[in-house]
């Protein structure tokens, strides 16, 4: 089963959108993401993004997600976990 298949089965719709967004950014060499820009790009509220990222910190097996900085919007550091 691929990572994308696991994500589709395990997570809510909002969480899937966020995870696919983060994976796409990682593929482009990006490792830091501001919640407000994720929200803007995905058409979600900043609160929805922040709430789901805090949940994903604990339950996501595919990515390591760490709150990194809190100035003007939470910045999240994301690293691909070895599977």
PDB file of N, CA and C in Angstrom:
ATOM      1  N   UNK A   1       0.843  -1.174   0.000  1.00  0.00           N
ATOM      2  CA  UNK A   1       0.000   0.000   0.000  1.00  0.00           C
ATOM      3  C   UNK A   1       0.895   1.246   0.000  1.00  0.00           C
ATOM      4  N   UNK A   2       0.572   2.213  -0.826  1.00  0.00           N
ATOM      5  CA  UNK A   2       1.371   3.436  -0.923  1.00  0.00           C
ATOM      6  C   UNK A   2       1.040   4.384   0.230  1.00  0.00           C
ATOM      7  N   UNK A   3       1.897   5.385   0.422  1.00  0.00           N
ATOM      8  CA  UNK A   3       1.670   6.396   1.450  1.00  0.00           C
ATOM      9  C   UNK A   3       0.348   7.102   1.197  1.00  0.00           C
ATOM     10  N   UNK A   4       0.092   7.443  -0.048  1.00  0.00           N
ATOM     11  CA  UNK A   4      -1.166   8.148  -0.376  1.00  0.00           C
ATOM     12  C   UNK A   4      -2.389   7.288  -0.067  1.00  0.00           C
ATOM     13  N   UNK A   5      -2.304   5.995  -0.322  1.00  0.00           N
ATOM     14  CA  UNK A   5      -3.419   5.094  -0.004  1.00  0.00           C
ATOM     15  C   UNK A   5      -3.657   5.032   1.498  1.00  0.00           C
ATOM     16  N   UNK A   6      -2.572   4.961   2.286  1.00  0.00           N
ATOM     17  CA  UNK A   6      -2.708   4.933   3.748  1.00  0.00           C
ATOM     18  C   UNK A   6      -3.344   6.217   4.253  1.00  0.00           C
ATOM     19  N   UNK A   7      -2.931   7.340   3.684  1.00  0.00           N
ATOM     20  CA  UNK A   7      -3.475   8.637   4.100  1.00  0.00           C
ATOM     21  C   UNK A   7      -4.970   8.701   3.795  1.00  0.00           C
ATOM     22  N   UNK A   8      -5.367   8.227   2.625  1.00  0.00           N
ATOM     23  CA  UNK A   8      -6.779   8.260   2.242  1.00  0.00           C
ATOM     24  C   UNK A   8      -7.648   7.453   3.192  1.00  0.00           C
ATOM     25  N   UNK A   9      -7.120   6.368   3.737  1.00  0.00           N
ATOM     26  CA  UNK A   9      -7.903   5.503   4.613  1.00  0.00           C
ATOM     27  C   UNK A   9      -7.930   5.972   6.061  1.00  0.00           C
ATOM     28  N   UNK A  10      -6.852   6.586   6.526  1.00  0.00           N
ATOM     29  CA  UNK A  10      -6.675   6.836   7.956  1.00  0.00           C
ATOM     30  C   UNK A  10      -7.174   8.192   8.451  1.00  0.00           C
ATOM     31  N   UNK A  11      -7.165   9.211   7.602  1.00  0.00           N
ATOM     32  CA  UNK A  11      -7.364  10.579   8.067  1.00  0.00           C
ATOM     33  C   UNK A  11      -8.658  11.205   7.549  1.00  0.00           C
ATOM     34  N   UNK A  12      -9.105  12.263   8.251  1.00  0.00           N
ATOM     35  CA  UNK A  12     -10.300  13.008   7.828  1.00  0.00           C
ATOM     36  C   UNK A  12      -9.999  13.772   6.539  1.00  0.00           C
ATOM     37  N   UNK A  13     -11.036  14.323   5.941  1.00  0.00           N
ATOM     38  CA  UNK A  13     -10.888  15.058   4.684  1.00  0.00           C
ATOM     39  C   UNK A  13      -9.917  16.238   4.843  1.00  0.00           C
ATOM     40  N   UNK A  14     -10.090  17.030   5.888  1.00  0.00           N
ATOM     41  CA  UNK A  14      -9.204  18.183   6.111  1.00  0.00           C
ATOM     42  C   UNK A  14      -7.772  17.728   6.363  1.00  0.00           C
ATOM     43  N   UNK A  15      -7.617  16.681   7.140  1.00  0.00           N
ATOM     44  CA  UNK A  15      -6.276  16.164   7.418  1.00  0.00           C
ATOM     45  C   UNK A  15      -5.612  15.646   6.155  1.00  0.00           C
ATOM     46  N   UNK A  16      -6.373  14.984   5.305  1.00  0.00           N
ATOM     47  CA  UNK A  16      -5.819  14.505   4.030  1.00  0.00           C
ATOM     48  C   UNK A  16      -5.346  15.667   3.171  1.00  0.00           C
ATOM     49  N   UNK A  17      -6.165  16.715   3.066  1.00  0.00           N
ATOM     50  CA  UNK A  17      -5.780  17.887   2.273  1.00  0.00           C
ATOM     51  C   UNK A  17      -4.465  18.469   2.791  1.00  0.00           C
ATOM     52  N   UNK A  18      -4.378  18.612   4.095  1.00  0.00           N
ATOM     53  CA  UNK A  18      -3.176  19.193   4.704  1.00  0.00           C
ATOM     54  C   UNK A  18      -1.967  18.291   4.467  1.00  0.00           C
ATOM     55  N   UNK A  19      -2.121  16.995   4.666  1.00  0.00           N
ATOM     56  CA  UNK A  19      -1.001  16.073   4.470  1.00  0.00           C
ATOM     57  C   UNK A  19      -0.529  16.059   3.020  1.00  0.00           C
ATOM     58  N   UNK A  20      -1.448  16.037   2.075  1.00  0.00           N
ATOM     59  CA  UNK A  20      -1.047  16.060   0.661  1.00  0.00           C
ATOM     60  C   UNK A  20      -0.342  17.373   0.326  1.00  0.00           C
ATOM     61  N   UNK A  21      -0.797  18.478   0.921  1.00  0.00           N
ATOM     62  CA  UNK A  21      -0.159  19.777   0.736  1.00  0.00           C
ATOM     63  C   UNK A  21       1.280  19.733   1.271  1.00  0.00           C
ATOM     64  N   UNK A  22       1.441  19.189   2.470  1.00  0.00           N
ATOM     65  CA  UNK A  22       2.773  19.106   3.074  1.00  0.00           C
ATOM     66  C   UNK A  22       3.697  18.193   2.270  1.00  0.00           C
ATOM     67  N   UNK A  23       3.191  17.060   1.831  1.00  0.00           N
ATOM     68  CA  UNK A  23       3.991  16.130   1.024  1.00  0.00           C
ATOM     69  C   UNK A  23       4.424  16.788  -0.280  1.00  0.00           C
ATOM     70  N   UNK A  24       3.512  17.528  -0.896  1.00  0.00           N
ATOM     71  CA  UNK A  24       3.843  18.243  -2.130  1.00  0.00           C
ATOM     72  C   UNK A  24       4.961  19.255  -1.875  1.00  0.00           C
ATOM     73  N   UNK A  25       4.883  19.966  -0.754  1.00  0.00           N
ATOM     74  CA  UNK A  25       5.934  20.921  -0.397  1.00  0.00           C
ATOM     75  C   UNK A  25       7.267  20.233  -0.145  1.00  0.00           C
ATOM     76  N   UNK A  26       7.225  19.096   0.543  1.00  0.00           N
ATOM     77  CA  UNK A  26       8.453  18.335   0.778  1.00  0.00           C
ATOM     78  C   UNK A  26       9.085  17.882  -0.528  1.00  0.00           C
ATOM     79  N   UNK A  27       8.251  17.479  -1.475  1.00  0.00           N
ATOM     80  CA  UNK A  27       8.758  17.061  -2.792  1.00  0.00           C
ATOM     81  C   UNK A  27       9.487  18.195  -3.504  1.00  0.00           C
ATOM     82  N   UNK A  28       9.114  19.445  -3.170  1.00  0.00           N
ATOM     83  CA  UNK A  28       9.765  20.618  -3.772  1.00  0.00           C
ATOM     84  C   UNK A  28      10.922  21.129  -2.910  1.00  0.00           C
ATOM     85  N   UNK A  29      11.263  20.385  -1.832  1.00  0.00           N
ATOM     86  CA  UNK A  29      12.387  20.749  -0.991  1.00  0.00           C
ATOM     87  C   UNK A  29      12.062  21.681   0.159  1.00  0.00           C
ATOM     88  N   UNK A  30      10.785  21.901   0.412  1.00  0.00           N
ATOM     89  CA  UNK A  30      10.356  22.791   1.487  1.00  0.00           C
ATOM     90  C   UNK A  30      10.198  21.994   2.782  1.00  0.00           C
ATOM     91  N   UNK A  31      10.563  22.592   3.931  1.00  0.00           N
ATOM     92  CA  UNK A  31      10.425  21.904   5.219  1.00  0.00           C
ATOM     93  C   UNK A  31       9.715  22.735   6.274  1.00  0.00           C
ATOM     94  N   UNK A  32       9.459  24.010   6.004  1.00  0.00           N
ATOM     95  CA  UNK A  32       8.786  24.888   6.956  1.00  0.00           C
ATOM     96  C   UNK A  32       7.532  25.459   6.300  1.00  0.00           C
ATOM     97  N   UNK A  33       6.422  25.400   7.034  1.00  0.00           N
ATOM     98  CA  UNK A  33       5.132  25.806   6.499  1.00  0.00           C
ATOM     99  C   UNK A  33       4.411  26.668   7.521  1.00  0.00           C
ATOM    100  N   UNK A  34       3.896  27.824   7.103  1.00  0.00           N
ATOM    101  CA  UNK A  34       3.092  28.675   7.983  1.00  0.00           C
ATOM    102  C   UNK A  34       1.627  28.257   7.854  1.00  0.00           C
ATOM    103  N   UNK A  35       0.976  28.112   9.005  1.00  0.00           N
ATOM    104  CA  UNK A  35      -0.414  27.666   9.033  1.00  0.00           C
ATOM    105  C   UNK A  35      -1.319  28.587   8.217  1.00  0.00           C
ATOM    106  N   UNK A  36      -1.091  29.907   8.288  1.00  0.00           N
ATOM    107  CA  UNK A  36      -1.981  30.831   7.574  1.00  0.00           C
ATOM    108  C   UNK A  36      -1.862  30.670   6.055  1.00  0.00           C
ATOM    109  N   UNK A  37      -0.688  30.306   5.560  1.00  0.00           N
ATOM    110  CA  UNK A  37      -0.530  30.103   4.124  1.00  0.00           C
ATOM    111  C   UNK A  37      -1.112  28.761   3.682  1.00  0.00           C
ATOM    112  N   UNK A  38      -0.996  27.758   4.536  1.00  0.00           N
ATOM    113  CA  UNK A  38      -1.646  26.476   4.242  1.00  0.00           C
ATOM    114  C   UNK A  38      -3.145  26.715   4.141  1.00  0.00           C
ATOM    115  N   UNK A  39      -3.704  27.440   5.113  1.00  0.00           N
ATOM    116  CA  UNK A  39      -5.137  27.730   5.134  1.00  0.00           C
ATOM    117  C   UNK A  39      -5.566  28.475   3.866  1.00  0.00           C
ATOM    118  N   UNK A  40      -4.806  29.490   3.507  1.00  0.00           N
ATOM    119  CA  UNK A  40      -5.129  30.284   2.309  1.00  0.00           C
ATOM    120  C   UNK A  40      -5.095  29.411   1.053  1.00  0.00           C
ATOM    121  N   UNK A  41      -4.053  28.620   0.907  1.00  0.00           N
ATOM    122  CA  UNK A  41      -3.896  27.790  -0.289  1.00  0.00           C
ATOM    123  C   UNK A  41      -4.959  26.693  -0.392  1.00  0.00           C
ATOM    124  N   UNK A  42      -5.423  26.192   0.753  1.00  0.00           N
ATOM    125  CA  UNK A  42      -6.386  25.081   0.742  1.00  0.00           C
ATOM    126  C   UNK A  42      -7.835  25.529   0.929  1.00  0.00           C
ATOM    127  N   UNK A  43      -8.056  26.809   1.176  1.00  0.00           N
ATOM    128  CA  UNK A  43      -9.417  27.289   1.390  1.00  0.00           C
ATOM    129  C   UNK A  43     -10.001  26.855   2.729  1.00  0.00           C
ATOM    130  N   UNK A  44      -9.125  26.675   3.722  1.00  0.00           N
ATOM    131  CA  UNK A  44      -9.554  26.305   5.066  1.00  0.00           C
ATOM    132  C   UNK A  44      -9.307  27.494   5.993  1.00  0.00           C
ATOM    133  N   UNK A  45      -9.876  27.464   7.194  1.00  0.00           N
ATOM    134  CA  UNK A  45      -9.578  28.517   8.161  1.00  0.00           C
ATOM    135  C   UNK A  45      -8.242  28.203   8.834  1.00  0.00           C
ATOM    136  N   UNK A  46      -7.591  29.248   9.327  1.00  0.00           N
ATOM    137  CA  UNK A  46      -6.331  29.052  10.047  1.00  0.00           C
ATOM    138  C   UNK A  46      -6.553  28.189  11.280  1.00  0.00           C
ATOM    139  N   UNK A  47      -7.685  28.385  11.937  1.00  0.00           N
ATOM    140  CA  UNK A  47      -7.999  27.589  13.130  1.00  0.00           C
ATOM    141  C   UNK A  47      -8.136  26.105  12.769  1.00  0.00           C
ATOM    142  N   UNK A  48      -8.811  25.817  11.650  1.00  0.00           N
ATOM    143  CA  UNK A  48      -8.973  24.428  11.214  1.00  0.00           C
ATOM    144  C   UNK A  48      -7.624  23.789  10.909  1.00  0.00           C
ATOM    145  N   UNK A  49      -6.743  24.531  10.252  1.00  0.00           N
ATOM    146  CA  UNK A  49      -5.410  24.020   9.932  1.00  0.00           C
ATOM    147  C   UNK A  49      -4.627  23.769  11.211  1.00  0.00           C
ATOM    148  N   UNK A  50      -4.632  24.731  12.125  1.00  0.00           N
ATOM    149  CA  UNK A  50      -3.897  24.581  13.369  1.00  0.00           C
ATOM    150  C   UNK A  50      -4.394  23.418  14.210  1.00  0.00           C
ATOM    151  N   UNK A  51      -5.706  23.280  14.308  1.00  0.00           N
ATOM    152  CA  UNK A  51      -6.292  22.182  15.076  1.00  0.00           C
ATOM    153  C   UNK A  51      -5.888  20.838  14.489  1.00  0.00           C
ATOM    154  N   UNK A  52      -5.992  20.716  13.184  1.00  0.00           N
ATOM    155  CA  UNK A  52      -5.656  19.446  12.534  1.00  0.00           C
ATOM    156  C   UNK A  52      -4.160  19.148  12.587  1.00  0.00           C
ATOM    157  N   UNK A  53      -3.320  20.160  12.455  1.00  0.00           N
ATOM    158  CA  UNK A  53      -1.879  19.924  12.562  1.00  0.00           C
ATOM    159  C   UNK A  53      -1.512  19.459  13.966  1.00  0.00           C
ATOM    160  N   UNK A  54      -2.156  20.022  14.979  1.00  0.00           N
ATOM    161  CA  UNK A  54      -1.875  19.582  16.356  1.00  0.00           C
ATOM    162  C   UNK A  54      -2.297  18.126  16.564  1.00  0.00           C
ATOM    163  N   UNK A  55      -3.369  17.717  15.926  1.00  0.00           N
ATOM    164  CA  UNK A  55      -3.784  16.310  15.979  1.00  0.00           C
ATOM    165  C   UNK A  55      -2.775  15.442  15.234  1.00  0.00           C
ATOM    166  N   UNK A  56      -2.362  15.904  14.055  1.00  0.00           N
ATOM    167  CA  UNK A  56      -1.438  15.129  13.225  1.00  0.00           C
ATOM    168  C   UNK A  56      -0.066  14.957  13.881  1.00  0.00           C
ATOM    169  N   UNK A  57       0.340  15.900  14.728  1.00  0.00           N
ATOM    170  CA  UNK A  57       1.602  15.760  15.457  1.00  0.00           C
ATOM    171  C   UNK A  57       1.635  14.417  16.181  1.00  0.00           C
ATOM    172  N   UNK A  58       0.496  14.029  16.765  1.00  0.00           N
ATOM    173  CA  UNK A  58       0.433  12.808  17.570  1.00  0.00           C
ATOM    174  C   UNK A  58       0.083  11.548  16.777  1.00  0.00           C
ATOM    175  N   UNK A  59      -0.676  11.681  15.698  1.00  0.00           N
ATOM    176  CA  UNK A  59      -1.177  10.469  15.035  1.00  0.00           C
ATOM    177  C   UNK A  59      -0.563  10.170  13.677  1.00  0.00           C
ATOM    178  N   UNK A  60       0.183  11.105  13.114  1.00  0.00           N
ATOM    179  CA  UNK A  60       0.695  10.912  11.755  1.00  0.00           C
ATOM    180  C   UNK A  60       1.940  10.030  11.763  1.00  0.00           C
ATOM    181  N   UNK A  61       1.849   8.905  11.077  1.00  0.00           N
ATOM    182  CA  UNK A  61       2.979   7.984  10.958  1.00  0.00           C
ATOM    183  C   UNK A  61       3.860   8.293   9.747  1.00  0.00           C
ATOM    184  N   UNK A  62       3.345   9.071   8.816  1.00  0.00           N
ATOM    185  CA  UNK A  62       4.044   9.314   7.555  1.00  0.00           C
ATOM    186  C   UNK A  62       5.009  10.503   7.624  1.00  0.00           C
ATOM    187  N   UNK A  63       4.662  11.512   8.439  1.00  0.00           N
ATOM    188  CA  UNK A  63       5.474  12.723   8.540  1.00  0.00           C
ATOM    189  C   UNK A  63       5.745  13.054   9.997  1.00  0.00           C
ATOM    190  N   UNK A  64       6.907  13.652  10.243  1.00  0.00           N
ATOM    191  CA  UNK A  64       7.185  14.220  11.562  1.00  0.00           C
ATOM    192  C   UNK A  64       6.814  15.691  11.463  1.00  0.00           C
ATOM    193  N   UNK A  65       5.843  16.120  12.262  1.00  0.00           N
ATOM    194  CA  UNK A  65       5.337  17.492  12.228  1.00  0.00           C
ATOM    195  C   UNK A  65       5.605  18.117  13.591  1.00  0.00           C
ATOM    196  N   UNK A  66       6.322  19.253  13.594  1.00  0.00           N
ATOM    197  CA  UNK A  66       6.738  19.892  14.838  1.00  0.00           C
ATOM    198  C   UNK A  66       6.389  21.378  14.778  1.00  0.00           C
ATOM    199  N   UNK A  67       5.674  21.901  15.808  1.00  0.00           N
ATOM    200  CA  UNK A  67       5.482  23.356  15.847  1.00  0.00           C
ATOM    201  C   UNK A  67       6.843  24.015  16.056  1.00  0.00           C
ATOM    202  N   UNK A  68       7.174  24.966  15.194  1.00  0.00           N
ATOM    203  CA  UNK A  68       8.532  25.487  15.170  1.00  0.00           C
ATOM    204  C   UNK A  68       8.626  26.925  15.675  1.00  0.00           C
ATOM    205  N   UNK A  69       7.712  27.771  15.274  1.00  0.00           N
ATOM    206  CA  UNK A  69       7.760  29.186  15.636  1.00  0.00           C
ATOM    207  C   UNK A  69       6.336  29.716  15.718  1.00  0.00           C
ATOM    208  N   UNK A  70       6.117  30.711  16.585  1.00  0.00           N
ATOM    209  CA  UNK A  70       4.756  31.211  16.810  1.00  0.00           C
ATOM    210  C   UNK A  70       4.571  32.669  16.435  1.00  0.00           C
ATOM    211  N   UNK A  71       5.473  33.276  15.712  1.00  0.00           N
ATOM    212  CA  UNK A  71       5.334  34.687  15.378  1.00  0.00           C
ATOM    213  C   UNK A  71       4.386  34.882  14.192  1.00  0.00           C
ATOM    214  N   UNK A  72       3.325  35.624  14.409  1.00  0.00           N
ATOM    215  CA  UNK A  72       2.360  36.026  13.370  1.00  0.00           C
ATOM    216  C   UNK A  72       1.536  34.870  12.810  1.00  0.00           C
ATOM    217  N   UNK A  73       1.915  33.664  13.017  1.00  0.00           N
ATOM    218  CA  UNK A  73       1.199  32.457  12.620  1.00  0.00           C
ATOM    219  C   UNK A  73       2.142  31.309  12.932  1.00  0.00           C
ATOM    220  N   UNK A  74       1.613  30.203  13.368  1.00  0.00           N
ATOM    221  CA  UNK A  74       2.501  29.094  13.710  1.00  0.00           C
ATOM    222  C   UNK A  74       3.210  28.580  12.463  1.00  0.00           C
ATOM    223  N   UNK A  75       4.511  28.425  12.577  1.00  0.00           N
ATOM    224  CA  UNK A  75       5.308  27.797  11.535  1.00  0.00           C
ATOM    225  C   UNK A  75       5.550  26.358  11.967  1.00  0.00           C
ATOM    226  N   UNK A  76       5.372  25.447  11.039  1.00  0.00           N
ATOM    227  CA  UNK A  76       5.525  24.017  11.310  1.00  0.00           C
ATOM    228  C   UNK A  76       6.700  23.474  10.525  1.00  0.00           C
ATOM    229  N   UNK A  77       7.561  22.724  11.210  1.00  0.00           N
ATOM    230  CA  UNK A  77       8.643  22.016  10.523  1.00  0.00           C
ATOM    231  C   UNK A  77       8.133  20.608  10.208  1.00  0.00           C
ATOM    232  N   UNK A  78       8.349  20.186   8.972  1.00  0.00           N
ATOM    233  CA  UNK A  78       7.843  18.884   8.532  1.00  0.00           C
ATOM    234  C   UNK A  78       8.991  18.098   7.905  1.00  0.00           C
ATOM    235  N   UNK A  79       9.107  16.840   8.332  1.00  0.00           N
ATOM    236  CA  UNK A  79      10.135  15.940   7.819  1.00  0.00           C
ATOM    237  C   UNK A  79       9.484  14.615   7.456  1.00  0.00           C
ATOM    238  N   UNK A  80       9.873  14.053   6.323  1.00  0.00           N
ATOM    239  CA  UNK A  80       9.368  12.744   5.905  1.00  0.00           C
ATOM    240  C   UNK A  80       9.949  11.679   6.821  1.00  0.00           C
ATOM    241  N   UNK A  81       9.097  10.833   7.392  1.00  0.00           N
ATOM    242  CA  UNK A  81       9.579   9.723   8.209  1.00  0.00           C
ATOM    243  C   UNK A  81      10.002   8.580   7.308  1.00  0.00           C
ATOM    244  N   UNK A  82      11.032   7.887   7.695  1.00  0.00           N
ATOM    245  CA  UNK A  82      11.446   6.688   6.959  1.00  0.00           C
ATOM    246  C   UNK A  82      10.414   5.599   7.215  1.00  0.00           C
ATOM    247  N   UNK A  83       9.935   5.002   6.131  1.00  0.00           N
ATOM    248  CA  UNK A  83       8.916   3.957   6.279  1.00  0.00           C
ATOM    249  C   UNK A  83       9.482   2.602   5.943  1.00  0.00           C
TER     250      UNK A  83
END
